[in-house]
PDB file of N, CA and C in Angstrom:
ATOM      1  N   MET A   1      26.610  -5.500  19.409  1.00  0.00           N
ATOM      2  CA  MET A   1      25.283  -6.352  19.747  1.00  0.00           C
ATOM      3  C   MET A   1      24.212  -5.388  18.918  1.00  0.00           C
ATOM      4  N   ARG A   2      24.391  -3.641  18.708  1.00  0.00           N
ATOM      5  CA  ARG A   2      24.083  -2.910  18.298  1.00  0.00           C
ATOM      6  C   ARG A   2      24.339  -2.894  16.400  1.00  0.00           C
ATOM      7  N   ASP A   3      25.547  -3.354  16.224  1.00  0.00           N
ATOM      8  CA  ASP A   3      25.425  -3.706  14.703  1.00  0.00           C
ATOM      9  C   ASP A   3      24.461  -4.938  14.323  1.00  0.00           C
ATOM     10  N   GLU A   4      24.324  -6.043  15.325  1.00  0.00           N
ATOM     11  CA  GLU A   4      23.622  -7.353  14.601  1.00  0.00           C
ATOM     12  C   GLU A   4      22.490  -6.906  14.589  1.00  0.00           C
ATOM     13  N   ILE A   5      21.680  -6.103  15.578  1.00  0.00           N
ATOM     14  CA  ILE A   5      20.646  -5.099  15.203  1.00  0.00           C
ATOM     15  C   ILE A   5      20.029  -4.490  14.170  1.00  0.00           C
ATOM     16  N   ASN A   6      21.281  -3.943  13.869  1.00  0.00           N
ATOM     17  CA  ASN A   6      20.882  -3.295  12.874  1.00  0.00           C
ATOM     18  C   ASN A   6      20.185  -4.102  11.433  1.00  0.00           C
ATOM     19  N   GLN A   7      21.704  -4.870  10.985  1.00  0.00           N
ATOM     20  CA  GLN A   7      21.669  -6.077  10.606  1.00  0.00           C
ATOM     21  C   GLN A   7      20.510  -6.732   9.885  1.00  0.00           C
ATOM     22  N   ALA A   8      19.775  -6.698  10.945  1.00  0.00           N
ATOM     23  CA  ALA A   8      18.629  -7.491  11.095  1.00  0.00           C
ATOM     24  C   ALA A   8      16.960  -6.618  10.873  1.00  0.00           C
ATOM     25  N   ALA A   9      17.875  -5.603  10.515  1.00  0.00           N
ATOM     26  CA  ALA A   9      16.517  -4.471   9.916  1.00  0.00           C
ATOM     27  C   ALA A   9      15.664  -4.897   8.559  1.00  0.00           C
ATOM     28  N   LEU A  10      14.841  -5.083   8.044  1.00  0.00           N
ATOM     29  CA  LEU A  10      14.140  -5.515   7.032  1.00  0.00           C
ATOM     30  C   LEU A  10      13.558  -4.116   6.205  1.00  0.00           C
ATOM     31  N   THR A  11      13.583  -3.196   7.455  1.00  0.00           N
ATOM     32  CA  THR A  11      13.017  -0.927   6.276  1.00  0.00           C
ATOM     33  C   THR A  11      14.178  -0.999   7.227  1.00  0.00           C
ATOM     34  N   PRO A  12      14.353   0.001   6.473  1.00  0.00           N
ATOM     35  CA  PRO A  12      14.734   1.332   7.486  1.00  0.00           C
ATOM     36  C   PRO A  12      13.893   2.227   7.606  1.00  0.00           C
ATOM     37  N   PRO A  13      13.847   2.965   9.383  1.00  0.00           N
ATOM     38  CA  PRO A  13      12.886   3.580  10.068  1.00  0.00           C
ATOM     39  C   PRO A  13      12.402   4.126   8.970  1.00  0.00           C
ATOM     40  N   LEU A  14      11.277   4.696   9.483  1.00  0.00           N
ATOM     41  CA  LEU A  14      10.127   5.484   9.211  1.00  0.00           C
ATOM     42  C   LEU A  14       9.917   6.278  10.227  1.00  0.00           C
ATOM     43  N   LEU A  15      10.147   7.766   9.919  1.00  0.00           N
ATOM     44  CA  LEU A  15      10.397   8.719  11.438  1.00  0.00           C
ATOM     45  C   LEU A  15       9.338   9.627  10.784  1.00  0.00           C
ATOM     46  N   THR A  16       9.346  10.268  12.401  1.00  0.00           N
ATOM     47  CA  THR A  16       8.077  11.581  12.123  1.00  0.00           C
ATOM     48  C   THR A  16       8.551  11.948  14.039  1.00  0.00           C
ATOM     49  N   VAL A  17       8.145  13.363  13.972  1.00  0.00           N
ATOM     50  CA  VAL A  17       8.932  14.271  14.827  1.00  0.00           C
ATOM     51  C   VAL A  17       8.943  13.941  15.885  1.00  0.00           C
ATOM     52  N   GLU A  18       7.635  13.055  16.652  1.00  0.00           N
ATOM     53  CA  GLU A  18       7.796  12.274  17.573  1.00  0.00           C
ATOM     54  C   GLU A  18       8.175  10.375  18.123  1.00  0.00           C
ATOM     55  N   GLY A  19       8.085  10.426  16.900  1.00  0.00           N
ATOM     56  CA  GLY A  19       8.028   8.529  16.745  1.00  0.00           C
ATOM     57  C   GLY A  19       8.536   8.044  15.572  1.00  0.00           C
ATOM     58  N   GLY A  20       8.749   6.571  15.473  1.00  0.00           N
ATOM     59  CA  GLY A  20       8.589   6.133  14.429  1.00  0.00           C
ATOM     60  C   GLY A  20       8.838   4.360  14.598  1.00  0.00           C
ATOM     61  N   GLU A  21       8.873   3.515  13.314  1.00  0.00           N
ATOM     62  CA  GLU A  21       8.845   2.381  13.083  1.00  0.00           C
ATOM     63  C   GLU A  21       9.776   1.851  12.427  1.00  0.00           C
ATOM     64  N   GLN A  22       9.839   0.282  12.401  1.00  0.00           N
ATOM     65  CA  GLN A  22      10.897  -0.529  11.996  1.00  0.00           C
ATOM     66  C   GLN A  22      10.215  -1.731  11.616  1.00  0.00           C
ATOM     67  N   SER A  23      10.901  -2.616  10.679  1.00  0.00           N
ATOM     68  CA  SER A  23      10.887  -3.989  11.153  1.00  0.00           C
ATOM     69  C   SER A  23      12.289  -4.597  11.088  1.00  0.00           C
ATOM     70  N   PHE A  24      12.392  -5.822  11.833  1.00  0.00           N
ATOM     71  CA  PHE A  24      13.482  -6.414  12.080  1.00  0.00           C
ATOM     72  C   PHE A  24      12.747  -8.179  12.002  1.00  0.00           C
ATOM     73  N   CYS A  25      13.974  -8.868  11.321  1.00  0.00           N
ATOM     74  CA  CYS A  25      14.029 -10.380  11.621  1.00  0.00           C
ATOM     75  C   CYS A  25      15.198 -10.518  11.896  1.00  0.00           C
ATOM     76  N   PHE A  26      15.143 -11.916  12.889  1.00  0.00           N
ATOM     77  CA  PHE A  26      16.394 -11.861  13.047  1.00  0.00           C
ATOM     78  C   PHE A  26      16.678 -13.567  12.742  1.00  0.00           C
ATOM     79  N   ALA A  27      17.810 -14.062  12.288  1.00  0.00           N
ATOM     80  CA  ALA A  27      18.099 -15.486  11.596  1.00  0.00           C
ATOM     81  C   ALA A  27      18.249 -15.850  12.992  1.00  0.00           C
ATOM     82  N   PRO A  28      18.428 -17.635  13.005  1.00  0.00           N
ATOM     83  CA  PRO A  28      18.775 -18.043  14.310  1.00  0.00           C
ATOM     84  C   PRO A  28      19.801 -18.011  14.678  1.00  0.00           C
ATOM     85  N   SER A  29      20.887 -17.357  13.572  1.00  0.00           N
ATOM     86  CA  SER A  29      22.382 -17.580  13.983  1.00  0.00           C
ATOM     87  C   SER A  29      22.562 -16.365  15.000  1.00  0.00           C
ATOM     88  N   PHE A  30      21.934 -15.249  14.984  1.00  0.00           N
ATOM     89  CA  PHE A  30      21.531 -14.072  15.588  1.00  0.00           C
ATOM     90  C   PHE A  30      22.389 -14.466  16.706  1.00  0.00           C
ATOM     91  N   ILE A  31      23.564 -13.374  17.116  1.00  0.00           N
ATOM     92  CA  ILE A  31      24.032 -13.921  18.733  1.00  0.00           C
ATOM     93  C   ILE A  31      23.082 -13.685  19.688  1.00  0.00           C
ATOM     94  N   GLY A  32      22.297 -13.027  19.234  1.00  0.00           N
ATOM     95  CA  GLY A  32      21.092 -12.554  21.081  1.00  0.00           C
ATOM     96  C   GLY A  32      20.283 -13.649  21.153  1.00  0.00           C
ATOM     97  N   PHE A  33      20.244 -14.950  20.254  1.00  0.00           N
ATOM     98  CA  PHE A  33      19.719 -15.947  20.872  1.00  0.00           C
ATOM     99  C   PHE A  33      20.409 -16.699  21.671  1.00  0.00           C
ATOM    100  N   ALA A  34      21.628 -16.958  21.610  1.00  0.00           N
ATOM    101  CA  ALA A  34      23.142 -17.813  22.492  1.00  0.00           C
ATOM    102  C   ALA A  34      22.094 -18.302  23.485  1.00  0.00           C
ATOM    103  N   GLY A  35      21.666 -18.930  23.941  1.00  0.00           N
ATOM    104  CA  GLY A  35      21.756 -19.164  24.860  1.00  0.00           C
ATOM    105  C   GLY A  35      20.389 -18.900  25.945  1.00  0.00           C
ATOM    106  N   HIS A  36      19.010 -18.506  25.115  1.00  0.00           N
ATOM    107  CA  HIS A  36      17.968 -18.047  25.486  1.00  0.00           C
ATOM    108  C   HIS A  36      17.049 -18.580  24.486  1.00  0.00           C
ATOM    109  N   PHE A  37      16.951 -20.288  24.871  1.00  0.00           N
ATOM    110  CA  PHE A  37      17.126 -20.925  25.146  1.00  0.00           C
ATOM    111  C   PHE A  37      17.801 -22.270  24.445  1.00  0.00           C
ATOM    112  N   PRO A  38      18.923 -22.807  25.116  1.00  0.00           N
ATOM    113  CA  PRO A  38      18.759 -24.358  23.977  1.00  0.00           C
ATOM    114  C   PRO A  38      18.219 -24.692  23.672  1.00  0.00           C
ATOM    115  N   GLY A  39      17.626 -24.882  22.231  1.00  0.00           N
ATOM    116  CA  GLY A  39      16.499 -25.619  21.481  1.00  0.00           C
ATOM    117  C   GLY A  39      15.776 -25.068  21.118  1.00  0.00           C
ATOM    118  N   TYR A  40      15.408 -23.787  21.942  1.00  0.00           N
ATOM    119  CA  TYR A  40      14.289 -23.110  22.082  1.00  0.00           C
ATOM    120  C   TYR A  40      14.146 -21.420  21.720  1.00  0.00           C
ATOM    121  N   PRO A  41      15.063 -21.162  20.853  1.00  0.00           N
ATOM    122  CA  PRO A  41      15.544 -20.117  20.872  1.00  0.00           C
ATOM    123  C   PRO A  41      14.888 -18.581  20.629  1.00  0.00           C
ATOM    124  N   ILE A  42      14.411 -17.766  22.202  1.00  0.00           N
ATOM    125  CA  ILE A  42      13.476 -16.761  21.760  1.00  0.00           C
ATOM    126  C   ILE A  42      14.414 -14.935  22.146  1.00  0.00           C
ATOM    127  N   LEU A  43      13.723 -13.631  21.446  1.00  0.00           N
ATOM    128  CA  LEU A  43      14.574 -13.055  21.771  1.00  0.00           C
ATOM    129  C   LEU A  43      14.385 -12.227  22.721  1.00  0.00           C
ATOM    130  N   PRO A  44      15.643 -12.472  24.372  1.00  0.00           N
ATOM    131  CA  PRO A  44      15.802 -11.803  25.149  1.00  0.00           C
ATOM    132  C   PRO A  44      14.424 -10.260  24.981  1.00  0.00           C
ATOM    133  N   ALA A  45      14.166 -10.488  26.381  1.00  0.00           N
ATOM    134  CA  ALA A  45      13.877  -8.970  26.939  1.00  0.00           C
ATOM    135  C   ALA A  45      14.276  -7.750  27.263  1.00  0.00           C
ATOM    136  N   VAL A  46      15.796  -8.146  27.239  1.00  0.00           N
ATOM    137  CA  VAL A  46      16.854  -7.325  27.592  1.00  0.00           C
ATOM    138  C   VAL A  46      17.085  -6.214  25.815  1.00  0.00           C
ATOM    139  N   LEU A  47      17.226  -7.723  24.985  1.00  0.00           N
ATOM    140  CA  LEU A  47      17.348  -6.865  23.403  1.00  0.00           C
ATOM    141  C   LEU A  47      15.899  -6.072  22.980  1.00  0.00           C
ATOM    142  N   GLN A  48      14.631  -6.876  23.388  1.00  0.00           N
ATOM    143  CA  GLN A  48      13.569  -5.801  23.062  1.00  0.00           C
ATOM    144  C   GLN A  48      14.002  -4.381  23.365  1.00  0.00           C
ATOM    145  N   THR A  49      14.083  -4.170  24.609  1.00  0.00           N
ATOM    146  CA  THR A  49      13.780  -2.884  24.840  1.00  0.00           C
ATOM    147  C   THR A  49      14.857  -1.958  24.553  1.00  0.00           C
ATOM    148  N   LEU A  50      16.374  -2.755  24.110  1.00  0.00           N
ATOM    149  CA  LEU A  50      17.203  -2.221  23.118  1.00  0.00           C
ATOM    150  C   LEU A  50      16.870  -1.837  21.778  1.00  0.00           C
ATOM    151  N   ILE A  51      15.812  -2.440  21.095  1.00  0.00           N
ATOM    152  CA  ILE A  51      15.502  -2.169  20.025  1.00  0.00           C
ATOM    153  C   ILE A  51      14.694  -1.179  19.574  1.00  0.00           C
ATOM    154  N   ALA A  52      14.467  -0.757  20.589  1.00  0.00           N
ATOM    155  CA  ALA A  52      13.136   0.195  21.110  1.00  0.00           C
ATOM    156  C   ALA A  52      13.662   1.230  21.343  1.00  0.00           C
ATOM    157  N   GLN A  53      14.821   1.229  22.229  1.00  0.00           N
ATOM    158  CA  GLN A  53      16.357   2.360  22.067  1.00  0.00           C
ATOM    159  C   GLN A  53      16.519   3.175  21.176  1.00  0.00           C
ATOM    160  N   MET A  54      17.453   1.970  20.320  1.00  0.00           N
ATOM    161  CA  MET A  54      18.143   2.389  19.109  1.00  0.00           C
ATOM    162  C   MET A  54      16.851   2.523  18.461  1.00  0.00           C
ATOM    163  N   LEU A  55      15.592   2.648  17.629  1.00  0.00           N
ATOM    164  CA  LEU A  55      14.753   3.658  17.235  1.00  0.00           C
ATOM    165  C   LEU A  55      14.507   4.430  17.449  1.00  0.00           C
ATOM    166  N   ALA A  56      14.311   4.973  19.243  1.00  0.00           N
ATOM    167  CA  ALA A  56      14.002   5.938  19.785  1.00  0.00           C
ATOM    168  C   ALA A  56      15.869   6.720  19.617  1.00  0.00           C
ATOM    169  N   GLU A  57      16.301   6.649  19.778  1.00  0.00           N
ATOM    170  CA  GLU A  57      17.413   7.391  19.235  1.00  0.00           C
ATOM    171  C   GLU A  57      17.558   7.975  17.630  1.00  0.00           C
ATOM    172  N   GLN A  58      17.095   7.497  17.103  1.00  0.00           N
ATOM    173  CA  GLN A  58      17.053   7.791  15.938  1.00  0.00           C
ATOM    174  C   GLN A  58      16.001   9.031  15.593  1.00  0.00           C
ATOM    175  N   VAL A  59      15.026   8.943  16.043  1.00  0.00           N
ATOM    176  CA  VAL A  59      13.645   9.445  15.976  1.00  0.00           C
ATOM    177  C   VAL A  59      14.390  10.957  16.841  1.00  0.00           C
ATOM    178  N   VAL A  60      14.842  10.390  17.912  1.00  0.00           N
ATOM    179  CA  VAL A  60      15.680  11.699  18.143  1.00  0.00           C
ATOM    180  C   VAL A  60      16.699  12.543  17.763  1.00  0.00           C
ATOM    181  N   GLY A  61      17.245  11.708  17.179  1.00  0.00           N
ATOM    182  CA  GLY A  61      18.504  12.250  16.246  1.00  0.00           C
ATOM    183  C   GLY A  61      19.746  12.283  17.267  1.00  0.00           C
ATOM    184  N   GLU A  62      19.973  11.325  18.657  1.00  0.00           N
ATOM    185  CA  GLU A  62      21.115  11.408  19.165  1.00  0.00           C
ATOM    186  C   GLU A  62      21.714  10.599  20.300  1.00  0.00           C
ATOM    187  N   SER A  63      21.893   9.460  20.500  1.00  0.00           N
ATOM    188  CA  SER A  63      22.367   8.583  21.631  1.00  0.00           C
ATOM    189  C   SER A  63      22.182   8.722  22.995  1.00  0.00           C
ATOM    190  N   LEU A  64      21.507   7.989  23.298  1.00  0.00           N
ATOM    191  CA  LEU A  64      20.543   8.313  24.909  1.00  0.00           C
ATOM    192  C   LEU A  64      20.448   7.704  25.605  1.00  0.00           C
ATOM    193  N   GLN A  65      20.790   7.808  26.821  1.00  0.00           N
ATOM    194  CA  GLN A  65      21.175   6.785  28.130  1.00  0.00           C
ATOM    195  C   GLN A  65      20.024   5.926  28.734  1.00  0.00           C
ATOM    196  N   PHE A  66      20.117   5.198  28.401  1.00  0.00           N
ATOM    197  CA  PHE A  66      18.896   3.691  29.499  1.00  0.00           C
ATOM    198  C   PHE A  66      18.723   4.478  30.525  1.00  0.00           C
ATOM    199  N   LEU A  67      17.912   5.158  31.434  1.00  0.00           N
ATOM    200  CA  LEU A  67      17.698   5.331  32.950  1.00  0.00           C
ATOM    201  C   LEU A  67      16.792   4.106  33.050  1.00  0.00           C
ATOM    202  N   SER A  68      15.633   4.148  32.572  1.00  0.00           N
ATOM    203  CA  SER A  68      14.768   2.914  33.513  1.00  0.00           C
ATOM    204  C   SER A  68      13.085   2.961  32.332  1.00  0.00           C
ATOM    205  N   LEU A  69      12.749   1.072  33.318  1.00  0.00           N
ATOM    206  CA  LEU A  69      11.662   0.094  32.024  1.00  0.00           C
ATOM    207  C   LEU A  69      10.797   0.351  33.186  1.00  0.00           C
ATOM    208  N   GLU A  70       9.455   0.946  32.358  1.00  0.00           N
ATOM    209  CA  GLU A  70       8.566   1.178  32.762  1.00  0.00           C
ATOM    210  C   GLU A  70       7.019   0.572  32.867  1.00  0.00           C
ATOM    211  N   ARG A  71       6.111  -0.116  33.222  1.00  0.00           N
ATOM    212  CA  ARG A  71       5.085  -0.948  32.597  1.00  0.00           C
ATOM    213  C   ARG A  71       4.998  -1.642  31.217  1.00  0.00           C
ATOM    214  N   ALA A  72       6.347  -2.591  31.672  1.00  0.00           N
ATOM    215  CA  ALA A  72       6.426  -3.504  30.792  1.00  0.00           C
ATOM    216  C   ALA A  72       5.760  -5.183  31.032  1.00  0.00           C
ATOM    217  N   LYS A  73       5.539  -5.166  29.461  1.00  0.00           N
ATOM    218  CA  LYS A  73       4.588  -6.462  29.474  1.00  0.00           C
ATOM    219  C   LYS A  73       4.861  -7.260  28.107  1.00  0.00           C
ATOM    220  N   PHE A  74       6.000  -8.228  28.505  1.00  0.00           N
ATOM    221  CA  PHE A  74       6.344  -9.150  27.413  1.00  0.00           C
ATOM    222  C   PHE A  74       5.200 -10.365  27.400  1.00  0.00           C
ATOM    223  N   ILE A  75       4.131 -10.093  25.990  1.00  0.00           N
ATOM    224  CA  ILE A  75       2.828 -11.342  26.122  1.00  0.00           C
ATOM    225  C   ILE A  75       2.413 -12.340  24.931  1.00  0.00           C
ATOM    226  N   ARG A  76       4.555 -11.851  24.184  1.00  0.00           N
ATOM    227  CA  ARG A  76       4.717 -13.384  23.290  1.00  0.00           C
ATOM    228  C   ARG A  76       6.062 -13.360  23.012  1.00  0.00           C
ATOM    229  N   GLN A  77       6.342 -14.829  23.307  1.00  0.00           N
ATOM    230  CA  GLN A  77       7.950 -14.770  22.720  1.00  0.00           C
ATOM    231  C   GLN A  77       7.771 -14.870  21.243  1.00  0.00           C
ATOM    232  N   LEU A  78       9.240 -13.984  20.967  1.00  0.00           N
ATOM    233  CA  LEU A  78       9.580 -13.951  19.618  1.00  0.00           C
ATOM    234  C   LEU A  78      10.617 -14.710  19.468  1.00  0.00           C
ATOM    235  N   ARG A  79      10.828 -15.453  17.596  1.00  0.00           N
ATOM    236  CA  ARG A  79      10.960 -16.141  17.887  1.00  0.00           C
ATOM    237  C   ARG A  79      11.971 -15.875  16.571  1.00  0.00           C
ATOM    238  N   PRO A  80      13.044 -16.803  16.249  1.00  0.00           N
ATOM    239  CA  PRO A  80      13.889 -16.559  15.197  1.00  0.00           C
ATOM    240  C   PRO A  80      12.850 -16.632  13.484  1.00  0.00           C
ATOM    241  N   GLU A  81      13.334 -16.076  12.569  1.00  0.00           N
ATOM    242  CA  GLU A  81      12.804 -15.582  11.208  1.00  0.00           C
ATOM    243  C   GLU A  81      11.595 -15.092  11.288  1.00  0.00           C
ATOM    244  N   GLU A  82      10.555 -14.456  12.197  1.00  0.00           N
ATOM    245  CA  GLU A  82       9.574 -14.258  12.614  1.00  0.00           C
ATOM    246  C   GLU A  82       9.805 -12.315  11.773  1.00  0.00           C
ATOM    247  N   GLN A  83       8.580 -11.317  11.056  1.00  0.00           N
ATOM    248  CA  GLN A  83       9.177 -10.518  11.302  1.00  0.00           C
ATOM    249  C   GLN A  83       8.509  -9.171  12.350  1.00  0.00           C
ATOM    250  N   ILE A  84       8.940  -8.756  13.500  1.00  0.00           N
ATOM    251  CA  ILE A  84       9.146  -8.075  14.255  1.00  0.00           C
ATOM    252  C   ILE A  84       8.547  -6.546  14.040  1.00  0.00           C
ATOM    253  N   ASP A  85       7.292  -5.924  14.559  1.00  0.00           N
ATOM    254  CA  ASP A  85       7.464  -4.938  13.681  1.00  0.00           C
ATOM    255  C   ASP A  85       7.739  -3.765  15.106  1.00  0.00           C
ATOM    256  N   VAL A  86       8.311  -2.697  15.150  1.00  0.00           N
ATOM    257  CA  VAL A  86       8.370  -2.719  16.209  1.00  0.00           C
ATOM    258  C   VAL A  86       8.351  -0.867  16.521  1.00  0.00           C
ATOM    259  N   THR A  87       7.552   0.012  17.074  1.00  0.00           N
ATOM    260  CA  THR A  87       7.060   1.520  16.848  1.00  0.00           C
ATOM    261  C   THR A  87       7.314   1.959  18.485  1.00  0.00           C
ATOM    262  N   VAL A  88       7.832   3.245  18.428  1.00  0.00           N
ATOM    263  CA  VAL A  88       7.930   3.892  19.470  1.00  0.00           C
ATOM    264  C   VAL A  88       7.259   5.352  19.030  1.00  0.00           C
ATOM    265  N   GLN A  89       7.066   6.123  20.481  1.00  0.00           N
ATOM    266  CA  GLN A  89       6.673   8.193  20.605  1.00  0.00           C
ATOM    267  C   GLN A  89       7.150   7.951  21.678  1.00  0.00           C
ATOM    268  N   CYS A  90       7.432   9.012  21.242  1.00  0.00           N
ATOM    269  CA  CYS A  90       8.792   9.780  22.234  1.00  0.00           C
ATOM    270  C   CYS A  90       8.309  11.246  22.745  1.00  0.00           C
ATOM    271  N   GLN A  91       8.348  11.488  23.429  1.00  0.00           N
ATOM    272  CA  GLN A  91       7.619  12.878  24.382  1.00  0.00           C
ATOM    273  C   GLN A  91       9.117  13.488  25.266  1.00  0.00           C
ATOM    274  N   GLU A  92       9.578  14.318  25.044  1.00  0.00           N
ATOM    275  CA  GLU A  92      10.692  15.145  26.028  1.00  0.00           C
ATOM    276  C   GLU A  92      10.414  16.268  26.992  1.00  0.00           C
ATOM    277  N   LYS A  93      10.389  16.098  28.029  1.00  0.00           N
ATOM    278  CA  LYS A  93      10.693  16.869  29.544  1.00  0.00           C
ATOM    279  C   LYS A  93      11.831  16.943  29.978  1.00  0.00           C
ATOM    280  N   GLU A  94      12.414  18.158  30.083  1.00  0.00           N
ATOM    281  CA  GLU A  94      13.321  18.483  30.652  1.00  0.00           C
ATOM    282  C   GLU A  94      14.520  17.704  30.628  1.00  0.00           C
ATOM    283  N   GLY A  95      15.040  17.336  28.875  1.00  0.00           N
ATOM    284  CA  GLY A  95      16.098  16.834  28.835  1.00  0.00           C
ATOM    285  C   GLY A  95      16.112  15.721  29.131  1.00  0.00           C
ATOM    286  N   GLN A  96      14.811  14.304  29.367  1.00  0.00           N
ATOM    287  CA  GLN A  96      14.840  13.143  29.228  1.00  0.00           C
ATOM    288  C   GLN A  96      13.739  12.462  28.171  1.00  0.00           C
ATOM    289  N   PHE A  97      13.626  11.854  28.294  1.00  0.00           N
ATOM    290  CA  PHE A  97      12.706  11.150  26.485  1.00  0.00           C
ATOM    291  C   PHE A  97      11.995  10.278  27.042  1.00  0.00           C
ATOM    292  N   ARG A  98      10.274  10.006  27.273  1.00  0.00           N
ATOM    293  CA  ARG A  98       9.275   9.091  28.228  1.00  0.00           C
ATOM    294  C   ARG A  98       9.173   8.244  26.527  1.00  0.00           C
ATOM    295  N   CYS A  99       9.340   7.241  26.119  1.00  0.00           N
ATOM    296  CA  CYS A  99       9.781   6.253  24.771  1.00  0.00           C
ATOM    297  C   CYS A  99       8.456   5.837  25.057  1.00  0.00           C
ATOM    298  N   SER A 100       7.174   5.530  25.147  1.00  0.00           N
ATOM    299  CA  SER A 100       6.291   4.056  24.682  1.00  0.00           C
ATOM    300  C   SER A 100       6.694   3.475  23.616  1.00  0.00           C
ATOM    301  N   ALA A 101       6.419   1.570  23.330  1.00  0.00           N
ATOM    302  CA  ALA A 101       7.323   0.917  22.650  1.00  0.00           C
ATOM    303  C   ALA A 101       6.206  -0.173  22.125  1.00  0.00           C
ATOM    304  N   LYS A 102       6.175  -0.909  21.751  1.00  0.00           N
ATOM    305  CA  LYS A 102       5.337  -1.307  21.372  1.00  0.00           C
ATOM    306  C   LYS A 102       6.367  -2.340  20.129  1.00  0.00           C
ATOM    307  N   LEU A 103       6.021  -3.702  20.489  1.00  0.00           N
ATOM    308  CA  LEU A 103       6.770  -4.992  19.333  1.00  0.00           C
ATOM    309  C   LEU A 103       5.296  -6.146  18.945  1.00  0.00           C
ATOM    310  N   ALA A 104       5.125  -5.670  17.781  1.00  0.00           N
ATOM    311  CA  ALA A 104       4.053  -6.747  17.278  1.00  0.00           C
ATOM    312  C   ALA A 104       4.409  -8.002  16.480  1.00  0.00           C
ATOM    313  N   VAL A 105       4.037  -8.920  15.818  1.00  0.00           N
ATOM    314  CA  VAL A 105       4.346 -10.155  14.958  1.00  0.00           C
ATOM    315  C   VAL A 105       2.926 -10.630  14.218  1.00  0.00           C
ATOM    316  N   ALA A 106       2.787 -10.111  12.729  1.00  0.00           N
ATOM    317  CA  ALA A 106       1.678  -9.662  12.159  1.00  0.00           C
ATOM    318  C   ALA A 106       0.558  -9.892  12.945  1.00  0.00           C
ATOM    319  N   ASP A 107       1.038  -8.547  13.049  1.00  0.00           N
ATOM    320  CA  ASP A 107      -0.368  -7.649  13.810  1.00  0.00           C
ATOM    321  C   ASP A 107      -0.996  -8.093  15.142  1.00  0.00           C
ATOM    322  N   GLU A 108       0.151  -9.231  15.703  1.00  0.00           N
ATOM    323  CA  GLU A 108      -0.240  -9.674  17.244  1.00  0.00           C
ATOM    324  C   GLU A 108       0.634  -8.471  18.273  1.00  0.00           C
ATOM    325  N   SER A 109       0.062  -8.126  19.085  1.00  0.00           N
ATOM    326  CA  SER A 109       1.350  -7.599  19.893  1.00  0.00           C
ATOM    327  C   SER A 109       1.804  -9.059  20.829  1.00  0.00           C
ATOM    328  N   ALA A 110       3.051  -8.388  20.890  1.00  0.00           N
ATOM    329  CA  ALA A 110       4.095  -8.961  21.587  1.00  0.00           C
ATOM    330  C   ALA A 110       4.534  -8.461  22.812  1.00  0.00           C
ATOM    331  N   ALA A 111       4.870  -7.407  22.544  1.00  0.00           N
ATOM    332  CA  ALA A 111       5.523  -6.501  24.210  1.00  0.00           C
ATOM    333  C   ALA A 111       5.256  -5.379  23.844  1.00  0.00           C
ATOM    334  N   SER A 112       5.108  -4.200  25.570  1.00  0.00           N
ATOM    335  CA  SER A 112       4.841  -3.031  24.922  1.00  0.00           C
ATOM    336  C   SER A 112       5.576  -2.484  27.044  1.00  0.00           C
ATOM    337  N   PHE A 113       6.306  -1.001  26.293  1.00  0.00           N
ATOM    338  CA  PHE A 113       6.965  -0.554  27.294  1.00  0.00           C
ATOM    339  C   PHE A 113       6.721   0.305  27.344  1.00  0.00           C
ATOM    340  N   THR A 114       6.856   1.425  28.524  1.00  0.00           N
ATOM    341  CA  THR A 114       7.672   2.749  28.358  1.00  0.00           C
ATOM    342  C   THR A 114       9.054   2.338  28.810  1.00  0.00           C
ATOM    343  N   LEU A 115       9.970   3.487  27.928  1.00  0.00           N
ATOM    344  CA  LEU A 115      11.644   3.491  28.422  1.00  0.00           C
ATOM    345  C   LEU A 115      11.779   5.208  28.569  1.00  0.00           C
ATOM    346  N   LEU A 116      12.805   5.391  29.582  1.00  0.00           N
ATOM    347  CA  LEU A 116      12.583   6.479  30.185  1.00  0.00           C
ATOM    348  C   LEU A 116      14.143   7.057  29.891  1.00  0.00           C
ATOM    349  N   LEU A 117      14.538   7.552  28.843  1.00  0.00           N
ATOM    350  CA  LEU A 117      15.679   7.702  28.196  1.00  0.00           C
ATOM    351  C   LEU A 117      16.288   9.140  28.523  1.00  0.00           C
ATOM    352  N   GLY A 118      17.797   9.383  29.041  1.00  0.00           N
ATOM    353  CA  GLY A 118      18.193  10.786  28.860  1.00  0.00           C
ATOM    354  C   GLY A 118      19.951  11.190  28.435  1.00  0.00           C
ATOM    355  N   ARG A 119      19.549  12.102  28.085  1.00  0.00           N
ATOM    356  CA  ARG A 119      21.040  12.910  27.378  1.00  0.00           C
ATOM    357  C   ARG A 119      21.786  12.651  28.454  1.00  0.00           C
ATOM    358  N   GLY A 120      23.135  12.756  27.663  1.00  0.00           N
ATOM    359  CA  GLY A 120      24.622  12.977  28.228  1.00  0.00           C
ATOM    360  C   GLY A 120      25.122  11.033  28.641  1.00  0.00           C
ATOM    361  N   ASP A 121      26.299  11.287  28.726  1.00  0.00           N
ATOM    362  CA  ASP A 121      27.494   9.778  29.030  1.00  0.00           C
ATOM    363  C   ASP A 121      26.163   9.325  30.644  1.00  0.00           C
ATOM    364  N   PRO A 122      26.384   8.039  30.317  1.00  0.00           N
ATOM    365  CA  PRO A 122      26.062   7.383  31.751  1.00  0.00           C
ATOM    366  C   PRO A 122      27.539   7.843  32.806  1.00  0.00           C
ATOM    367  N   GLN A 123      26.925   7.467  33.668  1.00  0.00           N
ATOM    368  CA  GLN A 123      27.541   8.072  34.802  1.00  0.00           C
ATOM    369  C   GLN A 123      28.432   6.593  35.410  1.00  0.00           C
TER     370      GLN A 123
END
């Protein structure tokens, strides 16, 4: 799935020390739309969080383990062929990263949430 998400990137990530931003556009044929929902595809929330995690990993410079999702608000459905702008801001504390994420379409908020990500392999 990560390869398919990377193929949907419209821009390379713009990275800073604590954050990053990147834009995506998913074709109607994107596998993430399969079954969600037939005849009316929307980007599943789990993939929205994965996109943010992938951007956070680029900010940090390493693969991270998903630990939890907090303060999740999925406000707007994300549909095929829309430009989705993703931003993350990450802060490290004791080997864990708290990353706030925002997804938007044409400056309209689509989702916001906080990811707690950790170093190391999943147990």
